[in-house]
Amino acid sequence: MIFLYAGVFSTGGRHHPIPSFYELVTGETSPSSGLSRSFSETVRLNFKAAEAYHPHGIRLFSFFFVQFFLRILFTLLEATGRWKAGYLVATDVLISAALFIYCFWPFLPVWKLV
């Protein structure tokens, strides 16, 4: 759904239809401001514009992009029975957790402690 949303709504002159609730309520810019537009530009392979809308947009988009293909891969591996379920789940958890930490690191409060 993220890919469809990003693909349908371009940044050219039209606003994305889902406004930021945080910005509507507080009047402040949220840390995720510009992500929808950044995703839209990433889908169109316009990486400079994507980075201009949000500096971490491409990194966050890559999480969802890689996860999409991991879901397909792990579903196929499960369906063929080539891997034992326990190994498959453990591999999925490790890859997904590492990818999440890498992609969402700028938004995790832990990095402020380092």
N, C-alpha and C. Protein backbone atom coordinates (compact mmCIF):
# COMPACT_ATOMS: atom_id res chain seq x y z
N MET A 1 0.83 -1.19 0.00
CA MET A 1 0.00 0.00 0.00
C MET A 1 0.88 1.26 0.00
N ILE A 2 2.01 1.20 0.66
CA ILE A 2 2.91 2.35 0.67
C ILE A 2 3.39 2.66 -0.74
N PHE A 3 3.75 1.62 -1.48
CA PHE A 3 4.23 1.83 -2.84
C PHE A 3 3.12 2.40 -3.73
N LEU A 4 1.92 1.89 -3.57
CA LEU A 4 0.79 2.39 -4.35
C LEU A 4 0.51 3.85 -4.02
N TYR A 5 0.47 4.18 -2.74
CA TYR A 5 0.24 5.56 -2.31
C TYR A 5 1.32 6.49 -2.85
N ALA A 6 2.57 6.07 -2.73
CA ALA A 6 3.68 6.90 -3.21
C ALA A 6 3.66 7.03 -4.72
N GLY A 7 3.22 6.00 -5.40
CA GLY A 7 3.18 6.04 -6.86
C GLY A 7 2.03 6.87 -7.40
N VAL A 8 0.90 6.85 -6.73
CA VAL A 8 -0.28 7.56 -7.21
C VAL A 8 -0.17 9.06 -6.98
N PHE A 9 0.28 9.45 -5.81
CA PHE A 9 0.31 10.87 -5.47
C PHE A 9 1.71 11.43 -5.68
N SER A 10 1.85 12.22 -6.73
CA SER A 10 3.14 12.82 -7.03
C SER A 10 3.31 14.11 -6.24
N THR A 11 4.50 14.63 -6.25
CA THR A 11 4.78 15.87 -5.53
C THR A 11 4.51 17.09 -6.38
N GLY A 12 4.27 16.90 -7.65
CA GLY A 12 4.10 18.01 -8.58
C GLY A 12 2.81 18.80 -8.39
N GLY A 13 2.82 19.77 -7.50
CA GLY A 13 1.70 20.69 -7.37
C GLY A 13 0.56 20.21 -6.49
N ARG A 14 0.39 18.91 -6.34
CA ARG A 14 -0.72 18.41 -5.52
C ARG A 14 -0.20 18.01 -4.15
N HIS A 15 -1.03 18.24 -3.16
CA HIS A 15 -0.66 17.83 -1.81
C HIS A 15 -1.10 16.39 -1.59
N HIS A 16 -0.38 15.70 -0.76
CA HIS A 16 -0.79 14.35 -0.43
C HIS A 16 -2.08 14.43 0.39
N PRO A 17 -2.99 13.51 0.16
CA PRO A 17 -4.33 13.63 0.76
C PRO A 17 -4.41 13.38 2.26
N ILE A 18 -3.39 12.82 2.85
CA ILE A 18 -3.43 12.54 4.28
C ILE A 18 -2.53 13.54 4.99
N PRO A 19 -3.11 14.52 5.66
CA PRO A 19 -2.28 15.52 6.34
C PRO A 19 -1.65 14.95 7.62
N SER A 20 -0.64 15.60 8.09
CA SER A 20 0.01 15.19 9.33
C SER A 20 -0.86 15.61 10.51
N PHE A 21 -1.36 14.64 11.26
CA PHE A 21 -2.19 14.92 12.43
C PHE A 21 -1.38 15.70 13.47
N TYR A 22 -0.13 15.32 13.64
CA TYR A 22 0.75 16.00 14.60
C TYR A 22 0.87 17.48 14.26
N GLU A 23 1.11 17.78 12.99
CA GLU A 23 1.26 19.17 12.59
C GLU A 23 -0.05 19.94 12.68
N LEU A 24 -1.17 19.26 12.42
CA LEU A 24 -2.47 19.92 12.53
C LEU A 24 -2.77 20.30 13.98
N VAL A 25 -2.44 19.42 14.91
CA VAL A 25 -2.74 19.64 16.32
C VAL A 25 -1.76 20.61 16.97
N THR A 26 -0.47 20.43 16.73
CA THR A 26 0.54 21.23 17.44
C THR A 26 0.98 22.47 16.67
N GLY A 27 0.82 22.45 15.36
CA GLY A 27 1.31 23.55 14.55
C GLY A 27 2.82 23.51 14.34
N GLU A 28 3.46 22.47 14.85
CA GLU A 28 4.90 22.29 14.70
C GLU A 28 5.19 21.28 13.58
N THR A 29 6.37 21.39 13.02
CA THR A 29 6.79 20.43 12.01
C THR A 29 7.19 19.14 12.69
N SER A 30 6.68 18.02 12.19
CA SER A 30 6.99 16.73 12.79
C SER A 30 8.28 16.17 12.20
N PRO A 31 8.92 15.23 12.90
CA PRO A 31 10.16 14.63 12.39
C PRO A 31 9.93 13.88 11.07
N SER A 32 8.70 13.49 10.81
CA SER A 32 8.42 12.74 9.58
C SER A 32 7.91 13.64 8.46
N SER A 33 7.97 14.92 8.64
CA SER A 33 7.49 15.85 7.62
C SER A 33 8.27 15.66 6.32
N GLY A 34 7.55 15.49 5.23
CA GLY A 34 8.16 15.33 3.92
C GLY A 34 8.37 13.90 3.49
N LEU A 35 8.07 12.93 4.37
CA LEU A 35 8.31 11.53 4.00
C LEU A 35 7.43 11.06 2.85
N SER A 36 6.17 11.43 2.84
CA SER A 36 5.29 11.00 1.74
C SER A 36 5.81 11.53 0.41
N ARG A 37 6.21 12.78 0.39
CA ARG A 37 6.76 13.35 -0.84
C ARG A 37 8.10 12.71 -1.19
N SER A 38 8.91 12.42 -0.18
CA SER A 38 10.18 11.75 -0.42
C SER A 38 9.95 10.36 -1.01
N PHE A 39 9.00 9.61 -0.47
CA PHE A 39 8.67 8.29 -1.00
C PHE A 39 8.18 8.40 -2.44
N SER A 40 7.36 9.41 -2.72
CA SER A 40 6.85 9.60 -4.08
C SER A 40 7.99 9.84 -5.07
N GLU A 41 8.96 10.62 -4.66
CA GLU A 41 10.10 10.88 -5.53
C GLU A 41 11.00 9.65 -5.65
N THR A 42 11.13 8.87 -4.58
CA THR A 42 11.94 7.65 -4.63
C THR A 42 11.33 6.64 -5.59
N VAL A 43 10.01 6.49 -5.58
CA VAL A 43 9.34 5.59 -6.50
C VAL A 43 9.62 6.00 -7.94
N ARG A 44 9.75 7.28 -8.18
CA ARG A 44 10.02 7.81 -9.52
C ARG A 44 11.53 7.90 -9.82
N LEU A 45 12.35 7.34 -8.92
CA LEU A 45 13.81 7.30 -9.04
C LEU A 45 14.44 8.68 -9.10
N ASN A 46 13.78 9.65 -8.51
CA ASN A 46 14.30 11.01 -8.42
C ASN A 46 14.89 11.19 -7.02
N PHE A 47 16.10 10.66 -6.83
CA PHE A 47 16.68 10.57 -5.50
C PHE A 47 17.12 11.91 -4.91
N LYS A 48 17.54 12.84 -5.74
CA LYS A 48 17.93 14.16 -5.22
C LYS A 48 16.72 14.88 -4.65
N ALA A 49 15.60 14.83 -5.35
CA ALA A 49 14.37 15.47 -4.84
C ALA A 49 13.89 14.74 -3.59
N ALA A 50 14.00 13.42 -3.58
CA ALA A 50 13.58 12.64 -2.41
C ALA A 50 14.38 13.05 -1.18
N GLU A 51 15.67 13.24 -1.35
CA GLU A 51 16.51 13.64 -0.22
C GLU A 51 16.20 15.08 0.21
N ALA A 52 15.82 15.91 -0.74
CA ALA A 52 15.48 17.30 -0.41
C ALA A 52 14.21 17.37 0.44
N TYR A 53 13.24 16.48 0.17
CA TYR A 53 12.00 16.48 0.95
C TYR A 53 12.22 15.94 2.35
N HIS A 54 13.07 14.91 2.48
CA HIS A 54 13.38 14.36 3.81
C HIS A 54 14.74 13.68 3.72
N PRO A 55 15.70 14.07 4.57
CA PRO A 55 17.05 13.53 4.45
C PRO A 55 17.16 12.02 4.67
N HIS A 56 16.20 11.42 5.37
CA HIS A 56 16.25 9.98 5.64
C HIS A 56 15.18 9.22 4.85
N GLY A 57 14.53 9.87 3.92
CA GLY A 57 13.43 9.26 3.18
C GLY A 57 13.83 8.03 2.39
N ILE A 58 14.95 8.09 1.71
CA ILE A 58 15.39 6.95 0.90
C ILE A 58 15.73 5.77 1.80
N ARG A 59 16.37 6.04 2.91
CA ARG A 59 16.72 4.97 3.87
C ARG A 59 15.46 4.30 4.41
N LEU A 60 14.46 5.10 4.76
CA LEU A 60 13.22 4.54 5.28
C LEU A 60 12.45 3.79 4.20
N PHE A 61 12.44 4.34 2.99
CA PHE A 61 11.78 3.66 1.88
C PHE A 61 12.43 2.31 1.62
N SER A 62 13.75 2.26 1.72
CA SER A 62 14.46 1.00 1.47
C SER A 62 14.04 -0.10 2.44
N PHE A 63 13.69 0.29 3.68
CA PHE A 63 13.22 -0.71 4.63
C PHE A 63 11.97 -1.40 4.09
N PHE A 64 10.99 -0.62 3.67
CA PHE A 64 9.75 -1.19 3.16
C PHE A 64 9.96 -1.95 1.86
N PHE A 65 10.84 -1.45 1.01
CA PHE A 65 11.14 -2.09 -0.26
C PHE A 65 11.76 -3.47 -0.04
N VAL A 66 12.77 -3.53 0.82
CA VAL A 66 13.44 -4.81 1.11
C VAL A 66 12.48 -5.76 1.83
N GLN A 67 11.70 -5.24 2.77
CA GLN A 67 10.75 -6.08 3.49
C GLN A 67 9.72 -6.70 2.54
N PHE A 68 9.29 -5.95 1.55
CA PHE A 68 8.33 -6.48 0.57
C PHE A 68 8.88 -7.75 -0.08
N PHE A 69 10.13 -7.68 -0.52
CA PHE A 69 10.73 -8.84 -1.18
C PHE A 69 11.10 -9.95 -0.19
N LEU A 70 11.44 -9.59 1.03
CA LEU A 70 11.68 -10.62 2.05
C LEU A 70 10.41 -11.40 2.36
N ARG A 71 9.26 -10.71 2.39
CA ARG A 71 7.99 -11.42 2.64
C ARG A 71 7.74 -12.44 1.54
N ILE A 72 8.01 -12.06 0.29
CA ILE A 72 7.83 -12.99 -0.84
C ILE A 72 8.79 -14.16 -0.71
N LEU A 73 10.06 -13.86 -0.44
CA LEU A 73 11.08 -14.90 -0.31
C LEU A 73 10.73 -15.89 0.80
N PHE A 74 10.42 -15.38 1.99
CA PHE A 74 10.14 -16.28 3.11
C PHE A 74 8.84 -17.06 2.91
N THR A 75 7.88 -16.46 2.22
CA THR A 75 6.65 -17.20 1.90
C THR A 75 6.95 -18.35 0.96
N LEU A 76 7.78 -18.10 -0.05
CA LEU A 76 8.14 -19.17 -0.98
C LEU A 76 8.95 -20.26 -0.29
N LEU A 77 9.88 -19.86 0.58
CA LEU A 77 10.65 -20.86 1.32
C LEU A 77 9.76 -21.70 2.23
N GLU A 78 8.79 -21.08 2.85
CA GLU A 78 7.85 -21.81 3.70
C GLU A 78 6.99 -22.76 2.87
N ALA A 79 6.52 -22.27 1.74
CA ALA A 79 5.63 -23.07 0.89
C ALA A 79 6.35 -24.29 0.31
N THR A 80 7.62 -24.14 0.00
CA THR A 80 8.36 -25.27 -0.57
C THR A 80 8.85 -26.23 0.49
N GLY A 81 8.87 -25.80 1.74
CA GLY A 81 9.34 -26.66 2.82
C GLY A 81 10.84 -26.88 2.81
N ARG A 82 11.56 -26.00 2.15
CA ARG A 82 13.01 -26.17 2.04
C ARG A 82 13.73 -25.82 3.34
N TRP A 83 13.11 -25.01 4.16
CA TRP A 83 13.71 -24.63 5.45
C TRP A 83 12.78 -25.09 6.56
N LYS A 84 13.36 -25.46 7.69
CA LYS A 84 12.54 -25.75 8.86
C LYS A 84 11.95 -24.45 9.36
N ALA A 85 10.75 -24.50 9.88
CA ALA A 85 10.03 -23.29 10.30
C ALA A 85 10.82 -22.49 11.34
N GLY A 86 11.44 -23.16 12.28
CA GLY A 86 12.20 -22.46 13.32
C GLY A 86 13.37 -21.66 12.75
N TYR A 87 14.10 -22.26 11.81
CA TYR A 87 15.21 -21.55 11.18
C TYR A 87 14.70 -20.38 10.34
N LEU A 88 13.60 -20.60 9.68
CA LEU A 88 13.02 -19.56 8.83
C LEU A 88 12.59 -18.35 9.67
N VAL A 89 11.93 -18.61 10.77
CA VAL A 89 11.48 -17.53 11.65
C VAL A 89 12.67 -16.81 12.26
N ALA A 90 13.65 -17.55 12.73
CA ALA A 90 14.84 -16.93 13.33
C ALA A 90 15.59 -16.07 12.32
N THR A 91 15.74 -16.56 11.10
CA THR A 91 16.41 -15.79 10.05
C THR A 91 15.63 -14.53 9.73
N ASP A 92 14.32 -14.66 9.62
CA ASP A 92 13.46 -13.51 9.34
C ASP A 92 13.58 -12.46 10.44
N VAL A 93 13.53 -12.89 11.67
CA VAL A 93 13.61 -11.95 12.80
C VAL A 93 14.96 -11.24 12.81
N LEU A 94 16.03 -11.97 12.62
CA LEU A 94 17.37 -11.35 12.65
C LEU A 94 17.56 -10.35 11.51
N ILE A 95 17.19 -10.75 10.30
CA ILE A 95 17.35 -9.84 9.15
C ILE A 95 16.45 -8.62 9.31
N SER A 96 15.20 -8.84 9.70
CA SER A 96 14.25 -7.73 9.83
C SER A 96 14.65 -6.78 10.95
N ALA A 97 15.11 -7.32 12.07
CA ALA A 97 15.52 -6.46 13.19
C ALA A 97 16.75 -5.63 12.82
N ALA A 98 17.73 -6.26 12.18
CA ALA A 98 18.93 -5.53 11.77
C ALA A 98 18.59 -4.45 10.74
N LEU A 99 17.74 -4.78 9.80
CA LEU A 99 17.32 -3.81 8.79
C LEU A 99 16.55 -2.66 9.42
N PHE A 100 15.68 -2.98 10.36
CA PHE A 100 14.91 -1.94 11.05
C PHE A 100 15.84 -0.99 11.79
N ILE A 101 16.76 -1.54 12.54
CA ILE A 101 17.68 -0.69 13.31
C ILE A 101 18.50 0.19 12.37
N TYR A 102 18.99 -0.37 11.28
CA TYR A 102 19.77 0.43 10.33
C TYR A 102 18.92 1.54 9.71
N CYS A 103 17.74 1.20 9.23
CA CYS A 103 16.92 2.17 8.50
C CYS A 103 16.28 3.22 9.40
N PHE A 104 15.90 2.83 10.59
CA PHE A 104 15.20 3.75 11.49
C PHE A 104 16.10 4.36 12.55
N TRP A 105 17.40 4.11 12.48
CA TRP A 105 18.34 4.60 13.49
C TRP A 105 18.20 6.09 13.78
N PRO A 106 18.04 6.96 12.76
CA PRO A 106 17.93 8.38 13.06
C PRO A 106 16.70 8.75 13.90
N PHE A 107 15.72 7.88 13.94
CA PHE A 107 14.49 8.16 14.67
C PHE A 107 14.41 7.47 16.03
N LEU A 108 15.35 6.60 16.31
CA LEU A 108 15.34 5.88 17.58
C LEU A 108 15.94 6.76 18.68
N PRO A 109 15.27 6.85 19.82
CA PRO A 109 15.78 7.71 20.89
C PRO A 109 17.10 7.22 21.48
N VAL A 110 17.47 5.99 21.22
CA VAL A 110 18.69 5.41 21.78
C VAL A 110 19.92 6.14 21.26
N TRP A 111 19.89 6.56 20.00
CA TRP A 111 21.09 7.18 19.42
C TRP A 111 21.45 8.47 20.14
N LYS A 112 20.52 9.11 20.80
CA LYS A 112 20.81 10.34 21.52
C LYS A 112 21.64 10.07 22.77
N LEU A 113 21.63 8.83 23.22
CA LEU A 113 22.40 8.45 24.41
C LEU A 113 23.85 8.18 24.07
N VAL A 114 24.11 7.88 22.81
CA VAL A 114 25.48 7.50 22.39
C VAL A 114 26.33 8.72 22.20
